[in-house]
């Protein structure tokens, strides 16, 4: 993440994610035993990147890391699997160690579950990030019975492996301490029509849902020509499929696009009103009310954030692609900001996952 984008992300997240409930497990402490670090990790040829690989089966794994160095100040974070931000960078003084823990979801394919980016690398992959990374110890333990928080969505939330784009579901794990398995089933191009229809998505996910598992459903960006009645029915069918397995669904309205009018406000298209004039977030709010489903209003939150930042500053949250700055997709900093808004909504809705949130954004680092 570029320094300027990171500063903007930090400022916005500080506003978005204050006073989140939960208990932070992070605290300075003695280094963890370093045997797994030695066996599974290696530095790049130039010595600037430390990566680790564990030959494990798909499932949930608890990762405990001791950040810090005996001899120098450090700034260290952790990405897992397909560029997922799972631990925000931690600053440590020389001689100081800070222990952090997170639960990581491992699967094949490594990024989007429909395989459109290929299978990636089998097993658990870890990459240490930050401006001056230093690691004193590492432990990985299987957690097959960890409660799960699934994300069902499109490109604005999915895991991206081969591009600078990042989804908010990709950055969401860093807001949770160990114990909750965030499983991102977002797929680029998905709509309420295509996601349930793919045999590699709904039909593949449903058997994995256990009683009590939570499922965040955010599908709207690609429902560009979906009529209102069909959109309502599609959302209701997804909710019913989750409930039939004993899962707990929640609807998430989509993040806005970077489309500003002359008045400095996000336009109707930016608020995800489709080509038929259907206000998809408004329909989702109504479905949530009628079906008694928790609603996370990311449209309202992201609209307020973008308008507060203004057109120029808010551009920095979106991905800078070869064809130009995206109006829809975020970079790592932007996705972290949007994930912070989702975390705040999870707390406000008192979802069970809120019990795993760090108390404040500062406690993540």
Protein backbone atom coordinates (compact mmCIF):
# COMPACT_ATOMS: atom_id res chain seq x y z
CA UNK A 1 0.00 0.00 0.00
CA UNK A 2 1.39 3.43 -0.90
CA UNK A 3 2.20 5.60 2.14
CA UNK A 4 -0.35 8.29 1.20
CA UNK A 5 -3.11 5.73 0.69
CA UNK A 6 -2.20 4.03 3.95
CA UNK A 7 -2.47 7.33 5.86
CA UNK A 8 -5.88 8.03 4.32
CA UNK A 9 -7.00 4.50 5.11
CA UNK A 10 -5.85 4.78 8.71
CA UNK A 11 -7.66 8.08 9.17
CA UNK A 12 -10.90 6.79 7.69
CA UNK A 13 -10.79 3.50 9.58
CA UNK A 14 -10.19 5.35 12.84
CA UNK A 15 -13.53 7.06 12.25
CA UNK A 16 -15.27 3.93 10.94
CA UNK A 17 -14.20 1.37 13.52
CA UNK A 18 -14.12 3.06 16.90
CA UNK A 19 -15.74 1.48 19.94
CA UNK A 20 -16.09 -2.00 18.45
CA UNK A 21 -16.94 -4.61 21.09
CA UNK A 22 -14.75 -7.64 21.72
CA UNK A 23 -11.58 -8.61 23.51
CA UNK A 24 -8.20 -8.00 21.94
CA UNK A 25 -5.79 -10.87 22.43
CA UNK A 26 -2.89 -8.74 21.28
CA UNK A 27 -0.42 -7.73 23.95
CA UNK A 28 3.35 -7.46 24.35
CA UNK A 29 4.82 -10.71 25.52
CA UNK A 30 7.60 -13.24 25.22
CA UNK A 31 8.41 -14.63 21.76
CA UNK A 32 6.66 -17.79 20.66
CA UNK A 33 8.81 -20.86 20.06
CA UNK A 34 10.48 -20.31 16.72
CA UNK A 35 10.63 -23.89 15.45
CA UNK A 36 7.80 -23.44 12.94
CA UNK A 37 9.31 -20.18 11.77
CA UNK A 38 12.57 -21.93 10.95
CA UNK A 39 10.96 -24.93 9.24
CA UNK A 40 8.34 -23.20 7.15
CA UNK A 41 9.59 -19.69 6.36
CA UNK A 42 12.21 -18.23 4.03
CA UNK A 43 13.37 -14.80 2.93
CA UNK A 44 13.46 -13.70 -0.67
CA UNK A 45 16.80 -13.63 -2.47
CA UNK A 46 17.18 -9.91 -1.76
CA UNK A 47 16.20 -10.50 1.87
CA UNK A 48 13.31 -8.03 1.89
CA UNK A 49 10.31 -10.40 2.00
CA UNK A 50 9.60 -13.18 4.49
CA UNK A 51 7.09 -15.81 3.36
CA UNK A 52 5.92 -19.05 4.97
CA UNK A 53 4.24 -22.13 3.53
CA UNK A 54 2.45 -24.92 5.39
CA UNK A 55 1.40 -28.13 3.66
CA UNK A 56 -2.06 -28.41 5.22
CA UNK A 57 -5.50 -29.49 4.06
CA UNK A 58 -8.31 -26.97 3.49
CA UNK A 59 -9.89 -25.73 6.71
CA UNK A 60 -9.48 -23.17 9.49
CA UNK A 61 -6.08 -22.56 11.11
CA UNK A 62 -5.11 -20.37 14.04
CA UNK A 63 -1.93 -18.41 13.38
CA UNK A 64 0.00 -17.02 16.36
CA UNK A 65 2.81 -14.59 15.57
CA UNK A 66 5.38 -12.85 17.77
CA UNK A 67 6.26 -9.58 16.05
CA UNK A 68 9.44 -7.69 16.89
CA UNK A 69 13.23 -7.72 17.05
CA UNK A 70 15.76 -7.77 19.88
CA UNK A 71 17.94 -5.22 18.12
CA UNK A 72 15.78 -2.83 16.09
CA UNK A 73 12.41 -1.14 15.92
CA UNK A 74 10.01 -2.90 13.56
CA UNK A 75 6.71 -2.44 11.75
CA UNK A 76 5.17 -5.80 10.82
CA UNK A 77 1.83 -7.04 9.49
CA UNK A 78 0.59 -10.28 8.00
CA UNK A 79 -1.15 -11.27 4.78
CA UNK A 80 -2.48 -14.80 4.29
CA UNK A 81 -3.45 -16.84 1.27
CA UNK A 82 -4.67 -14.65 -1.63
CA UNK A 83 -3.36 -11.28 -0.37
CA UNK A 84 -5.79 -11.28 2.55
CA UNK A 85 -4.95 -8.65 5.15
CA UNK A 86 -5.27 -10.68 8.36
CA UNK A 87 -3.15 -8.69 10.85
CA UNK A 88 -2.65 -4.94 10.51
CA UNK A 89 0.95 -3.69 10.85
CA UNK A 90 2.22 -3.66 14.45
CA UNK A 91 4.91 -1.17 15.58
CA UNK A 92 7.43 -2.51 18.10
CA UNK A 93 10.46 -0.92 19.76
CA UNK A 94 13.87 -2.57 19.81
CA UNK A 95 13.73 -5.43 22.29
CA UNK A 96 9.92 -5.45 22.35
CA UNK A 97 7.73 -8.34 21.21
CA UNK A 98 4.00 -8.17 20.47
CA UNK A 99 1.95 -11.34 20.04
CA UNK A 100 -1.02 -11.41 17.67
CA UNK A 101 -3.34 -14.27 16.70
CA UNK A 102 -5.82 -14.71 13.85
CA UNK A 103 -7.86 -17.54 12.34
CA UNK A 104 -7.23 -18.08 8.62
CA UNK A 105 -9.45 -19.88 6.12
CA UNK A 106 -7.52 -22.20 3.77
CA UNK A 107 -9.08 -23.51 0.58
CA UNK A 108 -8.41 -24.45 -3.03
CA UNK A 109 -8.83 -22.35 -5.16
CA UNK A 110 -6.83 -19.92 -3.04
CA UNK A 111 -8.70 -16.80 -4.19
CA UNK A 112 -12.15 -16.82 -5.82
CA UNK A 113 -13.89 -20.18 -5.28
CA UNK A 114 -15.02 -20.47 -8.91
CA UNK A 115 -11.35 -20.71 -9.94
CA UNK A 116 -11.30 -17.77 -12.36
CA UNK A 117 -7.80 -16.86 -11.10
CA UNK A 118 -6.64 -20.48 -11.03
CA UNK A 119 -6.04 -22.67 -7.99
CA UNK A 120 -3.14 -20.67 -6.56
CA UNK A 121 -0.78 -22.42 -4.12
CA UNK A 122 -2.04 -25.39 -2.05
CA UNK A 123 -1.85 -25.23 1.74
CA UNK A 124 -1.47 -22.18 3.96
CA UNK A 125 0.57 -19.28 2.60
CA UNK A 126 1.72 -16.39 4.80
CA UNK A 127 3.53 -13.18 3.82
CA UNK A 128 4.83 -10.67 6.36
CA UNK A 129 4.19 -7.04 5.46
CA UNK A 130 4.94 -3.61 6.91
CA UNK A 131 7.64 -0.99 6.47
CA UNK A 132 10.24 -2.87 8.56
CA UNK A 133 9.02 -6.42 9.22
CA UNK A 134 10.53 -8.54 11.98
CA UNK A 135 9.24 -11.86 13.33
CA UNK A 136 10.40 -13.65 16.47
CA UNK A 137 8.15 -16.71 16.40
CA UNK A 138 5.29 -18.43 14.61
CA UNK A 139 2.81 -21.18 15.45
CA UNK A 140 0.01 -22.63 13.31
CA UNK A 141 -2.72 -24.85 14.78
CA UNK A 142 -5.75 -26.46 13.13
CA UNK A 143 -9.12 -25.12 14.35
CA UNK A 144 -11.69 -27.27 12.51
CA UNK A 145 -14.62 -26.23 14.72
CA UNK A 146 -14.11 -22.46 14.59
CA UNK A 147 -17.34 -20.54 13.91
CA UNK A 148 -17.44 -19.12 10.40
CA UNK A 149 -18.39 -15.83 8.84
CA UNK A 150 -19.02 -16.32 5.11
CA UNK A 151 -18.99 -13.49 2.58
CA UNK A 152 -21.17 -13.98 -0.51
CA UNK A 153 -20.50 -11.15 -2.92
CA UNK A 154 -19.01 -9.78 -6.12
CA UNK A 155 -15.73 -8.12 -7.11
CA UNK A 156 -16.07 -5.34 -4.53
CA UNK A 157 -15.60 -7.88 -1.71
CA UNK A 158 -13.84 -10.90 -3.26
CA UNK A 159 -10.25 -12.11 -2.79
CA UNK A 160 -7.95 -10.93 -5.59
CA UNK A 161 -4.69 -12.81 -6.21
CA UNK A 162 -3.23 -11.40 -9.43
CA UNK A 163 -4.15 -7.69 -9.45
CA UNK A 164 -3.82 -4.55 -7.31
CA UNK A 165 -7.60 -4.66 -6.74
CA UNK A 166 -8.73 -5.72 -3.28
CA UNK A 167 -12.17 -6.60 -1.95
CA UNK A 168 -13.46 -5.55 1.45
CA UNK A 169 -13.93 -9.22 2.36
CA UNK A 170 -10.22 -9.67 1.64
CA UNK A 171 -9.32 -7.07 4.28
CA UNK A 172 -12.06 -7.89 6.79
CA UNK A 173 -10.10 -10.57 8.77
CA UNK A 174 -7.74 -7.98 10.27
CA UNK A 175 -10.64 -6.57 12.32
CA UNK A 176 -11.15 -9.87 14.17
CA UNK A 177 -8.99 -11.59 16.74
CA UNK A 178 -8.48 -15.35 16.64
CA UNK A 179 -11.49 -17.62 16.92
CA UNK A 180 -13.61 -16.59 13.92
CA UNK A 181 -12.96 -18.07 10.47
CA UNK A 182 -13.73 -15.45 7.79
CA UNK A 183 -14.43 -17.43 4.60
CA UNK A 184 -14.70 -15.19 1.54
CA UNK A 185 -16.85 -16.70 -1.21
CA UNK A 186 -17.08 -13.50 -3.22
CA UNK A 187 -16.63 -13.88 -6.98
CA UNK A 188 -16.02 -11.17 -9.56
CA UNK A 189 -18.96 -10.62 -11.90
CA UNK A 190 -21.52 -12.17 -9.55
CA UNK A 191 -25.14 -11.09 -9.31
CA UNK A 192 -28.20 -12.46 -7.51
CA UNK A 193 -28.83 -14.38 -10.75
CA UNK A 194 -25.36 -15.82 -11.46
CA UNK A 195 -24.04 -16.60 -7.96
CA UNK A 196 -26.83 -19.04 -7.03
CA UNK A 197 -26.77 -20.56 -10.53
CA UNK A 198 -23.09 -21.56 -10.48
CA UNK A 199 -22.51 -25.16 -9.31
CA UNK A 200 -19.18 -24.01 -7.83
CA UNK A 201 -20.84 -21.41 -5.60
CA UNK A 202 -24.20 -21.81 -3.84
CA UNK A 203 -24.44 -25.57 -4.38
CA UNK A 204 -20.84 -25.96 -3.17
CA UNK A 205 -21.18 -23.61 -0.20
CA UNK A 206 -24.46 -24.84 1.30
CA UNK A 207 -23.13 -28.24 2.51
CA UNK A 208 -20.39 -26.41 4.46
CA UNK A 209 -22.77 -24.18 6.41
CA UNK A 210 -23.12 -25.35 10.00
CA UNK A 211 -25.76 -24.21 12.51
CA UNK A 212 -24.75 -20.81 13.81
CA UNK A 213 -22.47 -19.92 10.90
CA UNK A 214 -23.07 -16.38 9.65
CA UNK A 215 -23.39 -15.44 5.97
CA UNK A 216 -23.05 -11.85 4.74
CA UNK A 217 -24.82 -11.45 1.39
CA UNK A 218 -23.86 -8.46 -0.78
CA UNK A 219 -24.97 -8.85 -4.39
CA UNK A 220 -26.16 -5.86 -6.41
CA UNK A 221 -23.41 -4.27 -8.53
CA UNK A 222 -23.91 -6.74 -11.39
CA UNK A 223 -27.72 -6.83 -11.21
CA UNK A 224 -27.70 -4.09 -13.82
CA UNK A 225 -30.76 -5.40 -15.66
CA UNK A 226 -32.49 -7.37 -12.90
CA UNK A 227 -36.12 -6.36 -12.40
CA UNK A 228 -37.26 -5.50 -8.89
CA UNK A 229 -39.48 -8.56 -8.45
CA UNK A 230 -36.70 -10.89 -9.55
CA UNK A 231 -34.15 -9.17 -7.32
CA UNK A 232 -36.46 -9.52 -4.31
CA UNK A 233 -37.07 -13.18 -5.05
CA UNK A 234 -33.38 -13.89 -5.59
CA UNK A 235 -32.37 -12.33 -2.27
CA UNK A 236 -35.17 -14.17 -0.44
CA UNK A 237 -34.03 -17.48 -1.98
CA UNK A 238 -30.45 -16.93 -0.78
CA UNK A 239 -31.70 -16.11 2.71
CA UNK A 240 -33.85 -19.25 2.73
CA UNK A 241 -30.92 -21.43 1.58
CA UNK A 242 -28.77 -20.23 4.47
CA UNK A 243 -31.54 -20.61 7.04
CA UNK A 244 -32.33 -24.11 5.82
CA UNK A 245 -28.85 -25.17 7.01
CA UNK A 246 -29.23 -23.46 10.37
CA UNK A 247 -27.08 -20.53 9.30
CA UNK A 248 -27.68 -16.87 10.09
CA UNK A 249 -27.90 -14.63 6.99
CA UNK A 250 -27.37 -10.87 6.96
CA UNK A 251 -27.87 -8.59 3.95
CA UNK A 252 -25.19 -6.03 3.09
CA UNK A 253 -26.04 -3.14 0.78
CA UNK A 254 -23.28 -2.52 -1.80
CA UNK A 255 -20.53 0.12 -1.56
CA UNK A 256 -21.07 3.11 -3.81
CA UNK A 257 -19.19 3.76 -7.03
CA UNK A 258 -16.98 6.82 -7.42
CA UNK A 259 -19.56 8.74 -9.45
CA UNK A 260 -20.07 12.32 -8.27
CA UNK A 261 -22.53 14.87 -9.62
CA UNK A 262 -21.86 18.57 -10.02
CA UNK A 263 -23.37 19.11 -6.58
CA UNK A 264 -20.64 17.02 -4.94
CA UNK A 265 -23.04 14.16 -4.16
CA UNK A 266 -22.89 10.55 -5.31
CA UNK A 267 -25.18 10.06 -8.33
CA UNK A 268 -28.03 7.56 -8.54
CA UNK A 269 -25.86 5.20 -10.62
CA UNK A 270 -23.14 5.58 -8.01
CA UNK A 271 -25.70 4.54 -5.36
CA UNK A 272 -26.38 1.37 -7.40
CA UNK A 273 -29.68 2.28 -9.00
CA UNK A 274 -29.69 -0.06 -12.00
CA UNK A 275 -30.48 0.57 -15.67
CA UNK A 276 -34.16 -0.27 -15.09
CA UNK A 277 -34.38 2.40 -12.40
CA UNK A 278 -34.46 -0.15 -9.56
CA UNK A 279 -32.87 1.21 -6.38
CA UNK A 280 -31.21 -2.05 -5.40
CA UNK A 281 -30.04 -0.98 -1.91
CA UNK A 282 -33.56 0.27 -1.13
CA UNK A 283 -35.02 -3.07 -2.23
CA UNK A 284 -32.47 -4.92 -0.10
CA UNK A 285 -33.41 -2.82 2.93
CA UNK A 286 -37.06 -3.71 2.38
CA UNK A 287 -36.33 -7.44 1.97
CA UNK A 288 -34.34 -7.38 5.20
CA UNK A 289 -37.25 -5.70 7.00
CA UNK A 290 -39.88 -8.08 5.63
CA UNK A 291 -37.84 -11.25 6.20
CA UNK A 292 -36.44 -10.24 9.60
CA UNK A 293 -32.84 -10.33 8.37
CA UNK A 294 -30.10 -8.13 9.87
CA UNK A 295 -29.06 -5.34 7.50
CA UNK A 296 -25.60 -3.82 7.20
CA UNK A 297 -26.09 -0.56 5.29
CA UNK A 298 -22.75 -0.25 3.53
CA UNK A 299 -24.29 1.90 0.78
CA UNK A 300 -25.24 4.63 3.25
CA UNK A 301 -21.92 4.36 5.09
CA UNK A 302 -19.74 4.47 1.98
CA UNK A 303 -21.79 7.27 0.45
CA UNK A 304 -21.33 9.38 3.58
CA UNK A 305 -17.60 8.60 3.65
CA UNK A 306 -17.01 9.43 -0.01
CA UNK A 307 -18.95 12.68 0.19
CA UNK A 308 -17.13 13.67 3.36
CA UNK A 309 -13.75 13.06 1.70
CA UNK A 310 -14.87 14.67 -1.57
CA UNK A 311 -14.32 13.56 -5.14
CA UNK A 312 -10.56 14.17 -5.28
CA UNK A 313 -9.52 12.64 -1.94
CA UNK A 314 -11.85 9.65 -2.22
CA UNK A 315 -10.20 8.62 -5.51
CA UNK A 316 -7.30 7.37 -3.41
CA UNK A 317 -9.45 4.53 -2.08
CA UNK A 318 -9.99 3.06 -5.55
CA UNK A 319 -7.61 0.83 -7.51
CA UNK A 320 -5.24 2.44 -10.00
CA UNK A 321 -5.46 -0.01 -12.90
CA UNK A 322 -3.55 0.02 -16.23
CA UNK A 323 -6.67 1.43 -17.91
CA UNK A 324 -6.99 4.14 -15.24
CA UNK A 325 -8.49 4.59 -11.80
CA UNK A 326 -11.44 2.26 -11.19
CA UNK A 327 -14.79 3.77 -10.25
CA UNK A 328 -15.88 0.55 -8.53
CA UNK A 329 -12.93 -1.47 -7.24
CA UNK A 330 -10.72 -0.62 -4.28
CA UNK A 331 -7.00 -0.89 -3.64
CA UNK A 332 -5.65 -2.36 -0.39
CA UNK A 333 -6.08 0.88 1.54
CA UNK A 334 -9.57 1.51 0.21
CA UNK A 335 -10.71 -2.05 0.85
CA UNK A 336 -9.40 -1.77 4.42
CA UNK A 337 -11.48 1.37 4.90
CA UNK A 338 -14.63 -0.28 3.52
CA UNK A 339 -14.00 -3.38 5.65
CA UNK A 340 -13.85 -1.04 8.65
CA UNK A 341 -17.32 0.22 7.77
CA UNK A 342 -18.56 -3.37 7.57
CA UNK A 343 -16.97 -4.12 10.95
CA UNK A 344 -18.77 -1.12 12.45
CA UNK A 345 -22.08 -2.35 10.99
CA UNK A 346 -21.47 -5.85 12.39
CA UNK A 347 -20.99 -4.29 15.81
CA UNK A 348 -24.06 -2.08 15.47
CA UNK A 349 -26.23 -5.01 14.40
CA UNK A 350 -24.96 -7.08 17.36
CA UNK A 351 -24.20 -10.04 15.14
CA UNK A 352 -22.47 -12.97 16.89
CA UNK A 353 -19.29 -12.14 14.93
CA UNK A 354 -19.11 -8.84 16.82
CA UNK A 355 -17.81 -10.77 19.81
CA UNK A 356 -14.57 -11.38 17.92
CA UNK A 357 -13.96 -7.77 16.87
CA UNK A 358 -11.08 -5.81 18.33
CA UNK A 359 -12.42 -3.12 20.69
CA UNK A 360 -10.97 -0.27 18.59
CA UNK A 361 -9.10 0.13 15.32
CA UNK A 362 -5.95 0.94 17.32
CA UNK A 363 -6.06 -2.48 18.97
CA UNK A 364 -5.52 -4.13 15.59
CA UNK A 365 -2.02 -2.64 15.44
